[in-house]
């Protein structure tokens, strides 16, 4: 069975994706910054893990044993500085992709 990691799992798209995957019977690991805000994600087949794209040390364990990643996390908004947007949306995504390659994740789906 394919286990998927969903980043941004408490967001609008990520939370719905977690629910759809779980309802289809697929195991899901939901990466969340605040596990206390992940109550709606808690259901059979969903493993909620704490992690943050701003904390690179929290990411390696998240990809272990994962076959597919849906990368839904990112920063958007008119108030972001270009440096802040780049740090998360480019550099953290690059690190996540490198970790996925090292963990031999078979597929990454990137939403932007």
PDB file of N, CA and C in Angstrom:
ATOM      1  N   UNK A   1       0.849  -1.181   0.000  1.00  0.00           N
ATOM      2  CA  UNK A   1       0.000   0.000   0.000  1.00  0.00           C
ATOM      3  C   UNK A   1       0.890   1.238   0.000  1.00  0.00           C
ATOM      4  N   UNK A   2       0.529   2.213  -0.774  1.00  0.00           N
ATOM      5  CA  UNK A   2       1.274   3.460  -0.876  1.00  0.00           C
ATOM      6  C   UNK A   2       0.947   4.365   0.293  1.00  0.00           C
ATOM      7  N   UNK A   3       1.988   4.801   0.990  1.00  0.00           N
ATOM      8  CA  UNK A   3       1.806   5.769   2.059  1.00  0.00           C
ATOM      9  C   UNK A   3       2.206   7.137   1.536  1.00  0.00           C
ATOM     10  N   UNK A   4       1.321   8.115   1.749  1.00  0.00           N
ATOM     11  CA  UNK A   4       1.562   9.472   1.262  1.00  0.00           C
ATOM     12  C   UNK A   4       1.851  10.415   2.411  1.00  0.00           C
ATOM     13  N   UNK A   5       2.766  11.335   2.174  1.00  0.00           N
ATOM     14  CA  UNK A   5       3.005  12.447   3.070  1.00  0.00           C
ATOM     15  C   UNK A   5       2.329  13.663   2.467  1.00  0.00           C
ATOM     16  N   UNK A   6       1.567  14.386   3.276  1.00  0.00           N
ATOM     17  CA  UNK A   6       0.941  15.628   2.827  1.00  0.00           C
ATOM     18  C   UNK A   6       1.507  16.760   3.674  1.00  0.00           C
ATOM     19  N   UNK A   7       2.226  17.692   3.030  1.00  0.00           N
ATOM     20  CA  UNK A   7       2.671  18.897   3.730  1.00  0.00           C
ATOM     21  C   UNK A   7       1.557  19.927   3.632  1.00  0.00           C
ATOM     22  N   UNK A   8       1.519  20.833   4.578  1.00  0.00           N
ATOM     23  CA  UNK A   8       0.425  21.808   4.578  1.00  0.00           C
ATOM     24  C   UNK A   8      -0.908  21.145   4.852  1.00  0.00           C
ATOM     25  N   UNK A   9      -0.886  20.115   5.677  1.00  0.00           N
ATOM     26  CA  UNK A   9      -2.064  19.265   5.868  1.00  0.00           C
ATOM     27  C   UNK A   9      -3.215  19.950   6.586  1.00  0.00           C
ATOM     28  N   UNK A  10      -2.968  21.064   7.273  1.00  0.00           N
ATOM     29  CA  UNK A  10      -4.080  21.767   7.915  1.00  0.00           C
ATOM     30  C   UNK A  10      -4.630  22.883   7.036  1.00  0.00           C
ATOM     31  N   UNK A  11      -4.045  23.086   5.879  1.00  0.00           N
ATOM     32  CA  UNK A  11      -4.511  24.128   4.977  1.00  0.00           C
ATOM     33  C   UNK A  11      -5.757  23.710   4.203  1.00  0.00           C
ATOM     34  N   UNK A  12      -6.254  24.614   3.395  1.00  0.00           N
ATOM     35  CA  UNK A  12      -7.502  24.387   2.650  1.00  0.00           C
ATOM     36  C   UNK A  12      -7.398  23.156   1.752  1.00  0.00           C
ATOM     37  N   UNK A  13      -6.401  23.105   0.911  1.00  0.00           N
ATOM     38  CA  UNK A  13      -6.252  21.977  -0.010  1.00  0.00           C
ATOM     39  C   UNK A  13      -5.719  20.753   0.719  1.00  0.00           C
ATOM     40  N   UNK A  14      -4.681  20.946   1.535  1.00  0.00           N
ATOM     41  CA  UNK A  14      -4.058  19.826   2.223  1.00  0.00           C
ATOM     42  C   UNK A  14      -5.018  19.044   3.094  1.00  0.00           C
ATOM     43  N   UNK A  15      -5.871  19.733   3.837  1.00  0.00           N
ATOM     44  CA  UNK A  15      -6.803  19.032   4.730  1.00  0.00           C
ATOM     45  C   UNK A  15      -7.813  18.208   3.946  1.00  0.00           C
ATOM     46  N   UNK A  16      -8.247  18.707   2.830  1.00  0.00           N
ATOM     47  CA  UNK A  16      -9.200  17.964   2.001  1.00  0.00           C
ATOM     48  C   UNK A  16      -8.525  16.773   1.324  1.00  0.00           C
ATOM     49  N   UNK A  17      -7.274  16.949   0.952  1.00  0.00           N
ATOM     50  CA  UNK A  17      -6.520  15.851   0.356  1.00  0.00           C
ATOM     51  C   UNK A  17      -6.294  14.737   1.371  1.00  0.00           C
ATOM     52  N   UNK A  18      -5.921  15.090   2.603  1.00  0.00           N
ATOM     53  CA  UNK A  18      -5.740  14.089   3.657  1.00  0.00           C
ATOM     54  C   UNK A  18      -7.028  13.298   3.838  1.00  0.00           C
ATOM     55  N   UNK A  19      -8.142  13.994   3.919  1.00  0.00           N
ATOM     56  CA  UNK A  19      -9.431  13.326   4.109  1.00  0.00           C
ATOM     57  C   UNK A  19      -9.742  12.388   2.936  1.00  0.00           C
ATOM     58  N   UNK A  20      -9.540  12.858   1.710  1.00  0.00           N
ATOM     59  CA  UNK A  20      -9.842  12.037   0.533  1.00  0.00           C
ATOM     60  C   UNK A  20      -8.962  10.792   0.472  1.00  0.00           C
ATOM     61  N   UNK A  21      -7.678  10.942   0.764  1.00  0.00           N
ATOM     62  CA  UNK A  21      -6.784   9.790   0.758  1.00  0.00           C
ATOM     63  C   UNK A  21      -7.187   8.782   1.833  1.00  0.00           C
ATOM     64  N   UNK A  22      -7.474   9.276   3.033  1.00  0.00           N
ATOM     65  CA  UNK A  22      -7.860   8.381   4.129  1.00  0.00           C
ATOM     66  C   UNK A  22      -9.177   7.674   3.827  1.00  0.00           C
ATOM     67  N   UNK A  23     -10.117   8.393   3.256  1.00  0.00           N
ATOM     68  CA  UNK A  23     -11.408   7.784   2.932  1.00  0.00           C
ATOM     69  C   UNK A  23     -11.286   6.731   1.841  1.00  0.00           C
ATOM     70  N   UNK A  24     -10.248   6.849   1.004  1.00  0.00           N
ATOM     71  CA  UNK A  24     -10.028   5.839  -0.033  1.00  0.00           C
ATOM     72  C   UNK A  24      -9.234   4.650   0.501  1.00  0.00           C
ATOM     73  N   UNK A  25      -8.880   4.711   1.788  1.00  0.00           N
ATOM     74  CA  UNK A  25      -8.177   3.594   2.409  1.00  0.00           C
ATOM     75  C   UNK A  25      -6.665   3.673   2.344  1.00  0.00           C
ATOM     76  N   UNK A  26      -6.132   4.785   1.863  1.00  0.00           N
ATOM     77  CA  UNK A  26      -4.679   4.932   1.771  1.00  0.00           C
ATOM     78  C   UNK A  26      -4.114   5.513   3.064  1.00  0.00           C
ATOM     79  N   UNK A  27      -3.016   4.947   3.561  1.00  0.00           N
ATOM     80  CA  UNK A  27      -2.386   5.524   4.747  1.00  0.00           C
ATOM     81  C   UNK A  27      -1.766   6.884   4.423  1.00  0.00           C
ATOM     82  N   UNK A  28      -1.896   7.810   5.368  1.00  0.00           N
ATOM     83  CA  UNK A  28      -1.430   9.180   5.161  1.00  0.00           C
ATOM     84  C   UNK A  28      -0.624   9.632   6.377  1.00  0.00           C
ATOM     85  N   UNK A  29       0.478  10.304   6.105  1.00  0.00           N
ATOM     86  CA  UNK A  29       1.217  11.005   7.150  1.00  0.00           C
ATOM     87  C   UNK A  29       0.995  12.492   6.888  1.00  0.00           C
ATOM     88  N   UNK A  30       0.396  13.175   7.850  1.00  0.00           N
ATOM     89  CA  UNK A  30       0.067  14.587   7.712  1.00  0.00           C
ATOM     90  C   UNK A  30       1.100  15.419   8.458  1.00  0.00           C
ATOM     91  N   UNK A  31       1.849  16.230   7.738  1.00  0.00           N
ATOM     92  CA  UNK A  31       2.857  17.089   8.342  1.00  0.00           C
ATOM     93  C   UNK A  31       2.196  18.401   8.745  1.00  0.00           C
ATOM     94  N   UNK A  32       2.254  18.714  10.040  1.00  0.00           N
ATOM     95  CA  UNK A  32       1.611  19.924  10.560  1.00  0.00           C
ATOM     96  C   UNK A  32       2.574  20.668  11.473  1.00  0.00           C
ATOM     97  N   UNK A  33       2.473  21.994  11.481  1.00  0.00           N
ATOM     98  CA  UNK A  33       3.296  22.788  12.405  1.00  0.00           C
ATOM     99  C   UNK A  33       2.769  22.665  13.827  1.00  0.00           C
ATOM    100  N   UNK A  34       1.461  22.642  13.975  1.00  0.00           N
ATOM    101  CA  UNK A  34       0.844  22.636  15.292  1.00  0.00           C
ATOM    102  C   UNK A  34      -0.117  21.453  15.411  1.00  0.00           C
ATOM    103  N   UNK A  35       0.310  20.370  16.049  1.00  0.00           N
ATOM    104  CA  UNK A  35      -0.574  19.203  16.182  1.00  0.00           C
ATOM    105  C   UNK A  35      -1.884  19.522  16.905  1.00  0.00           C
ATOM    106  N   UNK A  36      -1.873  20.540  17.752  1.00  0.00           N
ATOM    107  CA  UNK A  36      -3.096  20.937  18.440  1.00  0.00           C
ATOM    108  C   UNK A  36      -4.160  21.472  17.501  1.00  0.00           C
ATOM    109  N   UNK A  37      -3.751  21.946  16.340  1.00  0.00           N
ATOM    110  CA  UNK A  37      -4.693  22.486  15.348  1.00  0.00           C
ATOM    111  C   UNK A  37      -5.071  21.444  14.306  1.00  0.00           C
ATOM    112  N   UNK A  38      -4.697  20.187  14.555  1.00  0.00           N
ATOM    113  CA  UNK A  38      -4.912  19.140  13.547  1.00  0.00           C
ATOM    114  C   UNK A  38      -6.041  18.197  13.921  1.00  0.00           C
ATOM    115  N   UNK A  39      -6.926  18.620  14.807  1.00  0.00           N
ATOM    116  CA  UNK A  39      -8.003  17.744  15.259  1.00  0.00           C
ATOM    117  C   UNK A  39      -8.850  17.184  14.134  1.00  0.00           C
ATOM    118  N   UNK A  40      -9.131  18.000  13.126  1.00  0.00           N
ATOM    119  CA  UNK A  40      -9.974  17.546  12.019  1.00  0.00           C
ATOM    120  C   UNK A  40      -9.295  16.482  11.169  1.00  0.00           C
ATOM    121  N   UNK A  41      -7.976  16.366  11.279  1.00  0.00           N
ATOM    122  CA  UNK A  41      -7.242  15.378  10.481  1.00  0.00           C
ATOM    123  C   UNK A  41      -7.217  14.006  11.142  1.00  0.00           C
ATOM    124  N   UNK A  42      -7.474  13.971  12.411  1.00  0.00           N
ATOM    125  CA  UNK A  42      -7.340  12.718  13.167  1.00  0.00           C
ATOM    126  C   UNK A  42      -8.477  11.768  12.835  1.00  0.00           C
ATOM    127  N   UNK A  43      -8.097  10.693  12.163  1.00  0.00           N
ATOM    128  CA  UNK A  43      -9.026   9.650  11.745  1.00  0.00           C
ATOM    129  C   UNK A  43      -8.216   8.401  11.468  1.00  0.00           C
ATOM    130  N   UNK A  44      -8.866   7.253  11.371  1.00  0.00           N
ATOM    131  CA  UNK A  44      -8.114   6.030  11.063  1.00  0.00           C
ATOM    132  C   UNK A  44      -7.320   6.181   9.762  1.00  0.00           C
ATOM    133  N   UNK A  45      -6.097   5.715   9.795  1.00  0.00           N
ATOM    134  CA  UNK A  45      -5.248   5.757   8.612  1.00  0.00           C
ATOM    135  C   UNK A  45      -4.423   7.014   8.473  1.00  0.00           C
ATOM    136  N   UNK A  46      -4.603   7.982   9.393  1.00  0.00           N
ATOM    137  CA  UNK A  46      -3.860   9.235   9.311  1.00  0.00           C
ATOM    138  C   UNK A  46      -2.918   9.343  10.503  1.00  0.00           C
ATOM    139  N   UNK A  47      -1.639   9.512  10.196  1.00  0.00           N
ATOM    140  CA  UNK A  47      -0.620   9.746  11.210  1.00  0.00           C
ATOM    141  C   UNK A  47      -0.259  11.227  11.166  1.00  0.00           C
ATOM    142  N   UNK A  48      -0.526  11.935  12.236  1.00  0.00           N
ATOM    143  CA  UNK A  48      -0.198  13.356  12.315  1.00  0.00           C
ATOM    144  C   UNK A  48       1.194  13.486  12.921  1.00  0.00           C
ATOM    145  N   UNK A  49       2.098  14.166  12.193  1.00  0.00           N
ATOM    146  CA  UNK A  49       3.453  14.389  12.689  1.00  0.00           C
ATOM    147  C   UNK A  49       3.763  15.879  12.663  1.00  0.00           C
ATOM    148  N   UNK A  50       4.491  16.319  13.667  1.00  0.00           N
ATOM    149  CA  UNK A  50       4.858  17.718  13.744  1.00  0.00           C
ATOM    150  C   UNK A  50       6.089  17.977  12.904  1.00  0.00           C
ATOM    151  N   UNK A  51       6.033  19.033  12.122  1.00  0.00           N
ATOM    152  CA  UNK A  51       7.157  19.441  11.297  1.00  0.00           C
ATOM    153  C   UNK A  51       6.895  20.811  10.727  1.00  0.00           C
ATOM    154  N   UNK A  52       7.948  21.466  10.300  1.00  0.00           N
ATOM    155  CA  UNK A  52       7.828  22.836   9.811  1.00  0.00           C
ATOM    156  C   UNK A  52       8.882  23.053   8.739  1.00  0.00           C
ATOM    157  N   UNK A  53       8.481  23.607   7.626  1.00  0.00           N
ATOM    158  CA  UNK A  53       9.438  23.894   6.557  1.00  0.00           C
ATOM    159  C   UNK A  53      10.504  24.882   7.009  1.00  0.00           C
ATOM    160  N   UNK A  54      10.225  25.658   8.052  1.00  0.00           N
ATOM    161  CA  UNK A  54      11.214  26.601   8.576  1.00  0.00           C
ATOM    162  C   UNK A  54      12.198  25.923   9.530  1.00  0.00           C
ATOM    163  N   UNK A  55      11.952  24.645   9.841  1.00  0.00           N
ATOM    164  CA  UNK A  55      12.843  23.879  10.715  1.00  0.00           C
ATOM    165  C   UNK A  55      13.311  22.642   9.955  1.00  0.00           C
ATOM    166  N   UNK A  56      14.395  22.762   9.199  1.00  0.00           N
ATOM    167  CA  UNK A  56      14.858  21.649   8.375  1.00  0.00           C
ATOM    168  C   UNK A  56      15.081  20.350   9.144  1.00  0.00           C
ATOM    169  N   UNK A  57      15.433  20.439  10.419  1.00  0.00           N
ATOM    170  CA  UNK A  57      15.688  19.224  11.193  1.00  0.00           C
ATOM    171  C   UNK A  57      14.419  18.421  11.444  1.00  0.00           C
ATOM    172  N   UNK A  58      13.250  19.029  11.224  1.00  0.00           N
ATOM    173  CA  UNK A  58      11.988  18.321  11.452  1.00  0.00           C
ATOM    174  C   UNK A  58      11.522  17.536  10.229  1.00  0.00           C
ATOM    175  N   UNK A  59      12.216  17.668   9.119  1.00  0.00           N
ATOM    176  CA  UNK A  59      11.746  17.073   7.872  1.00  0.00           C
ATOM    177  C   UNK A  59      12.264  15.672   7.547  1.00  0.00           C
ATOM    178  N   UNK A  60      13.507  15.321   7.871  1.00  0.00           N
ATOM    179  CA  UNK A  60      14.000  13.996   7.449  1.00  0.00           C
ATOM    180  C   UNK A  60      13.138  12.833   7.929  1.00  0.00           C
ATOM    181  N   UNK A  61      12.722  12.838   9.177  1.00  0.00           N
ATOM    182  CA  UNK A  61      11.904  11.737   9.686  1.00  0.00           C
ATOM    183  C   UNK A  61      10.544  11.666   9.004  1.00  0.00           C
ATOM    184  N   UNK A  62      10.063  12.806   8.524  1.00  0.00           N
ATOM    185  CA  UNK A  62       8.731  12.837   7.901  1.00  0.00           C
ATOM    186  C   UNK A  62       8.688  12.038   6.606  1.00  0.00           C
ATOM    187  N   UNK A  63       9.805  11.943   5.880  1.00  0.00           N
ATOM    188  CA  UNK A  63       9.796  11.267   4.580  1.00  0.00           C
ATOM    189  C   UNK A  63      10.186   9.788   4.653  1.00  0.00           C
ATOM    190  N   UNK A  64      10.649   9.344   5.813  1.00  0.00           N
ATOM    191  CA  UNK A  64      11.062   7.937   5.961  1.00  0.00           C
ATOM    192  C   UNK A  64       9.861   7.021   5.776  1.00  0.00           C
ATOM    193  N   UNK A  65       9.988   6.055   4.870  1.00  0.00           N
ATOM    194  CA  UNK A  65       8.925   5.086   4.640  1.00  0.00           C
ATOM    195  C   UNK A  65       7.781   5.587   3.776  1.00  0.00           C
ATOM    196  N   UNK A  66       7.966   6.731   3.161  1.00  0.00           N
ATOM    197  CA  UNK A  66       6.927   7.350   2.324  1.00  0.00           C
ATOM    198  C   UNK A  66       7.188   7.005   0.857  1.00  0.00           C
ATOM    199  N   UNK A  67       6.118   6.705   0.133  1.00  0.00           N
ATOM    200  CA  UNK A  67       6.255   6.421  -1.298  1.00  0.00           C
ATOM    201  C   UNK A  67       5.830   7.608  -2.175  1.00  0.00           C
ATOM    202  N   UNK A  68       4.992   8.497  -1.611  1.00  0.00           N
ATOM    203  CA  UNK A  68       4.474   9.609  -2.418  1.00  0.00           C
ATOM    204  C   UNK A  68       4.310  10.824  -1.506  1.00  0.00           C
ATOM    205  N   UNK A  69       4.690  12.002  -2.017  1.00  0.00           N
ATOM    206  CA  UNK A  69       4.553  13.248  -1.271  1.00  0.00           C
ATOM    207  C   UNK A  69       3.674  14.200  -2.054  1.00  0.00           C
ATOM    208  N   UNK A  70       2.712  14.778  -1.360  1.00  0.00           N
ATOM    209  CA  UNK A  70       1.919  15.883  -1.889  1.00  0.00           C
ATOM    210  C   UNK A  70       2.370  17.123  -1.130  1.00  0.00           C
ATOM    211  N   UNK A  71       3.089  17.997  -1.807  1.00  0.00           N
ATOM    212  CA  UNK A  71       3.651  19.188  -1.157  1.00  0.00           C
ATOM    213  C   UNK A  71       2.683  20.347  -1.349  1.00  0.00           C
ATOM    214  N   UNK A  72       1.843  20.547  -0.338  1.00  0.00           N
ATOM    215  CA  UNK A  72       0.806  21.590  -0.375  1.00  0.00           C
ATOM    216  C   UNK A  72       1.173  22.802   0.475  1.00  0.00           C
ATOM    217  N   UNK A  73       2.277  22.737   1.207  1.00  0.00           N
ATOM    218  CA  UNK A  73       2.662  23.832   2.097  1.00  0.00           C
ATOM    219  C   UNK A  73       3.356  24.936   1.322  1.00  0.00           C
ATOM    220  N   UNK A  74       3.157  26.142   1.782  1.00  0.00           N
ATOM    221  CA  UNK A  74       3.826  27.285   1.185  1.00  0.00           C
ATOM    222  C   UNK A  74       3.302  28.568   1.779  1.00  0.00           C
ATOM    223  N   UNK A  75       4.000  29.634   1.527  1.00  0.00           N
ATOM    224  CA  UNK A  75       3.572  30.948   1.995  1.00  0.00           C
ATOM    225  C   UNK A  75       3.037  31.748   0.821  1.00  0.00           C
ATOM    226  N   UNK A  76       1.904  32.372   1.030  1.00  0.00           N
ATOM    227  CA  UNK A  76       1.314  33.248   0.018  1.00  0.00           C
ATOM    228  C   UNK A  76       0.832  34.511   0.708  1.00  0.00           C
ATOM    229  N   UNK A  77       0.774  35.598  -0.012  1.00  0.00           N
ATOM    230  CA  UNK A  77       0.241  36.833   0.531  1.00  0.00           C
ATOM    231  C   UNK A  77       1.010  38.037   0.037  1.00  0.00           C
ATOM    232  N   UNK A  78       0.317  39.153   0.022  1.00  0.00           N
ATOM    233  CA  UNK A  78       0.919  40.402  -0.432  1.00  0.00           C
ATOM    234  C   UNK A  78       1.900  40.977   0.578  1.00  0.00           C
ATOM    235  N   UNK A  79       1.824  40.526   1.822  1.00  0.00           N
ATOM    236  CA  UNK A  79       2.654  41.085   2.885  1.00  0.00           C
ATOM    237  C   UNK A  79       4.040  40.435   2.972  1.00  0.00           C
ATOM    238  N   UNK A  80       4.274  39.377   2.221  1.00  0.00           N
ATOM    239  CA  UNK A  80       5.547  38.655   2.299  1.00  0.00           C
ATOM    240  C   UNK A  80       6.662  39.442   1.627  1.00  0.00           C
ATOM    241  N   UNK A  81       7.819  39.398   2.245  1.00  0.00           N
ATOM    242  CA  UNK A  81       8.988  39.953   1.573  1.00  0.00           C
ATOM    243  C   UNK A  81       9.480  38.908   0.563  1.00  0.00           C
ATOM    244  N   UNK A  82      10.169  39.336  -0.475  1.00  0.00           N
ATOM    245  CA  UNK A  82      10.709  38.362  -1.428  1.00  0.00           C
ATOM    246  C   UNK A  82      11.640  37.356  -0.758  1.00  0.00           C
ATOM    247  N   UNK A  83      12.398  37.803   0.243  1.00  0.00           N
ATOM    248  CA  UNK A  83      13.315  36.903   0.941  1.00  0.00           C
ATOM    249  C   UNK A  83      12.547  35.836   1.723  1.00  0.00           C
ATOM    250  N   UNK A  84      11.477  36.236   2.392  1.00  0.00           N
ATOM    251  CA  UNK A  84      10.674  35.293   3.164  1.00  0.00           C
ATOM    252  C   UNK A  84      10.006  34.271   2.245  1.00  0.00           C
ATOM    253  N   UNK A  85       9.445  34.739   1.151  1.00  0.00           N
ATOM    254  CA  UNK A  85       8.803  33.839   0.197  1.00  0.00           C
ATOM    255  C   UNK A  85       9.822  32.864  -0.389  1.00  0.00           C
ATOM    256  N   UNK A  86      11.000  33.356  -0.713  1.00  0.00           N
ATOM    257  CA  UNK A  86      12.037  32.485  -1.279  1.00  0.00           C
ATOM    258  C   UNK A  86      12.500  31.438  -0.266  1.00  0.00           C
ATOM    259  N   UNK A  87      12.671  31.838   0.984  1.00  0.00           N
ATOM    260  CA  UNK A  87      13.158  30.925   2.021  1.00  0.00           C
ATOM    261  C   UNK A  87      12.239  29.710   2.164  1.00  0.00           C
ATOM    262  N   UNK A  88      10.947  29.931   2.137  1.00  0.00           N
ATOM    263  CA  UNK A  88      10.003  28.832   2.320  1.00  0.00           C
ATOM    264  C   UNK A  88       9.630  28.188   0.991  1.00  0.00           C
ATOM    265  N   UNK A  89       9.205  28.977   0.032  1.00  0.00           N
ATOM    266  CA  UNK A  89       8.655  28.429  -1.209  1.00  0.00           C
ATOM    267  C   UNK A  89       9.707  27.883  -2.170  1.00  0.00           C
ATOM    268  N   UNK A  90      10.945  28.298  -2.010  1.00  0.00           N
ATOM    269  CA  UNK A  90      12.005  27.799  -2.893  1.00  0.00           C
ATOM    270  C   UNK A  90      13.001  26.944  -2.111  1.00  0.00           C
ATOM    271  N   UNK A  91      13.642  27.550  -1.127  1.00  0.00           N
ATOM    272  CA  UNK A  91      14.724  26.844  -0.433  1.00  0.00           C
ATOM    273  C   UNK A  91      14.215  25.652   0.393  1.00  0.00           C
ATOM    274  N   UNK A  92      13.131  25.837   1.131  1.00  0.00           N
ATOM    275  CA  UNK A  92      12.591  24.711   1.915  1.00  0.00           C
ATOM    276  C   UNK A  92      12.040  23.626   1.001  1.00  0.00           C
ATOM    277  N   UNK A  93      11.448  24.029  -0.111  1.00  0.00           N
ATOM    278  CA  UNK A  93      10.949  23.036  -1.065  1.00  0.00           C
ATOM    279  C   UNK A  93      12.112  22.259  -1.672  1.00  0.00           C
ATOM    280  N   UNK A  94      13.193  22.941  -1.986  1.00  0.00           N
ATOM    281  CA  UNK A  94      14.371  22.261  -2.516  1.00  0.00           C
ATOM    282  C   UNK A  94      14.898  21.243  -1.511  1.00  0.00           C
ATOM    283  N   UNK A  95      14.975  21.623  -0.234  1.00  0.00           N
ATOM    284  CA  UNK A  95      15.433  20.692   0.795  1.00  0.00           C
ATOM    285  C   UNK A  95      14.503  19.493   0.878  1.00  0.00           C
ATOM    286  N   UNK A  96      13.203  19.725   0.863  1.00  0.00           N
ATOM    287  CA  UNK A  96      12.245  18.622   0.910  1.00  0.00           C
ATOM    288  C   UNK A  96      12.447  17.677  -0.269  1.00  0.00           C
ATOM    289  N   UNK A  97      12.662  18.217  -1.453  1.00  0.00           N
ATOM    290  CA  UNK A  97      12.890  17.380  -2.637  1.00  0.00           C
ATOM    291  C   UNK A  97      14.177  16.568  -2.504  1.00  0.00           C
ATOM    292  N   UNK A  98      15.214  17.178  -1.961  1.00  0.00           N
ATOM    293  CA  UNK A  98      16.463  16.448  -1.746  1.00  0.00           C
ATOM    294  C   UNK A  98      16.272  15.318  -0.741  1.00  0.00           C
ATOM    295  N   UNK A  99      15.522  15.575   0.327  1.00  0.00           N
ATOM    296  CA  UNK A  99      15.234  14.533   1.313  1.00  0.00           C
ATOM    297  C   UNK A  99      14.414  13.412   0.690  1.00  0.00           C
ATOM    298  N   UNK A 100      13.467  13.774  -0.149  1.00  0.00           N
ATOM    299  CA  UNK A 100      12.651  12.759  -0.835  1.00  0.00           C
ATOM    300  C   UNK A 100      13.518  11.889  -1.733  1.00  0.00           C
ATOM    301  N   UNK A 101      14.452  12.492  -2.440  1.00  0.00           N
ATOM    302  CA  UNK A 101      15.347  11.720  -3.304  1.00  0.00           C
ATOM    303  C   UNK A 101      16.194  10.770  -2.460  1.00  0.00           C
ATOM    304  N   UNK A 102      16.702  11.256  -1.348  1.00  0.00           N
ATOM    305  CA  UNK A 102      17.521  10.418  -0.477  1.00  0.00           C
ATOM    306  C   UNK A 102      16.741   9.283   0.158  1.00  0.00           C
ATOM    307  N   UNK A 103      15.441   9.510   0.399  1.00  0.00           N
ATOM    308  CA  UNK A 103      14.578   8.486   0.999  1.00  0.00           C
ATOM    309  C   UNK A 103      13.922   7.610  -0.062  1.00  0.00           C
ATOM    310  N   UNK A 104      14.283   7.836  -1.318  1.00  0.00           N
ATOM    311  CA  UNK A 104      13.746   7.071  -2.447  1.00  0.00           C
ATOM    312  C   UNK A 104      12.221   7.139  -2.545  1.00  0.00           C
ATOM    313  N   UNK A 105      11.687   8.346  -2.313  1.00  0.00           N
ATOM    314  CA  UNK A 105      10.259   8.583  -2.521  1.00  0.00           C
ATOM    315  C   UNK A 105      10.003   8.488  -4.021  1.00  0.00           C
ATOM    316  N   UNK A 106       8.986   7.728  -4.395  1.00  0.00           N
ATOM    317  CA  UNK A 106       8.730   7.463  -5.806  1.00  0.00           C
ATOM    318  C   UNK A 106       8.106   8.609  -6.581  1.00  0.00           C
ATOM    319  N   UNK A 107       7.320   9.434  -5.905  1.00  0.00           N
ATOM    320  CA  UNK A 107       6.617  10.509  -6.623  1.00  0.00           C
ATOM    321  C   UNK A 107       6.394  11.678  -5.688  1.00  0.00           C
ATOM    322  N   UNK A 108       6.601  12.874  -6.231  1.00  0.00           N
ATOM    323  CA  UNK A 108       6.293  14.117  -5.508  1.00  0.00           C
ATOM    324  C   UNK A 108       5.350  14.913  -6.373  1.00  0.00           C
ATOM    325  N   UNK A 109       4.237  15.334  -5.780  1.00  0.00           N
ATOM    326  CA  UNK A 109       3.277  16.203  -6.447  1.00  0.00           C
ATOM    327  C   UNK A 109       3.384  17.571  -5.763  1.00  0.00           C
ATOM    328  N   UNK A 110       3.744  18.579  -6.528  1.00  0.00           N
ATOM    329  CA  UNK A 110       3.987  19.910  -5.973  1.00  0.00           C
ATOM    330  C   UNK A 110       2.865  20.837  -6.396  1.00  0.00           C
ATOM    331  N   UNK A 111       2.200  21.413  -5.420  1.00  0.00           N
ATOM    332  CA  UNK A 111       1.149  22.393  -5.697  1.00  0.00           C
ATOM    333  C   UNK A 111       1.720  23.774  -5.482  1.00  0.00           C
ATOM    334  N   UNK A 112       1.468  24.673  -6.418  1.00  0.00           N
ATOM    335  CA  UNK A 112       1.955  26.031  -6.227  1.00  0.00           C
ATOM    336  C   UNK A 112       0.956  27.021  -6.816  1.00  0.00           C
TER     337      UNK A 112
END
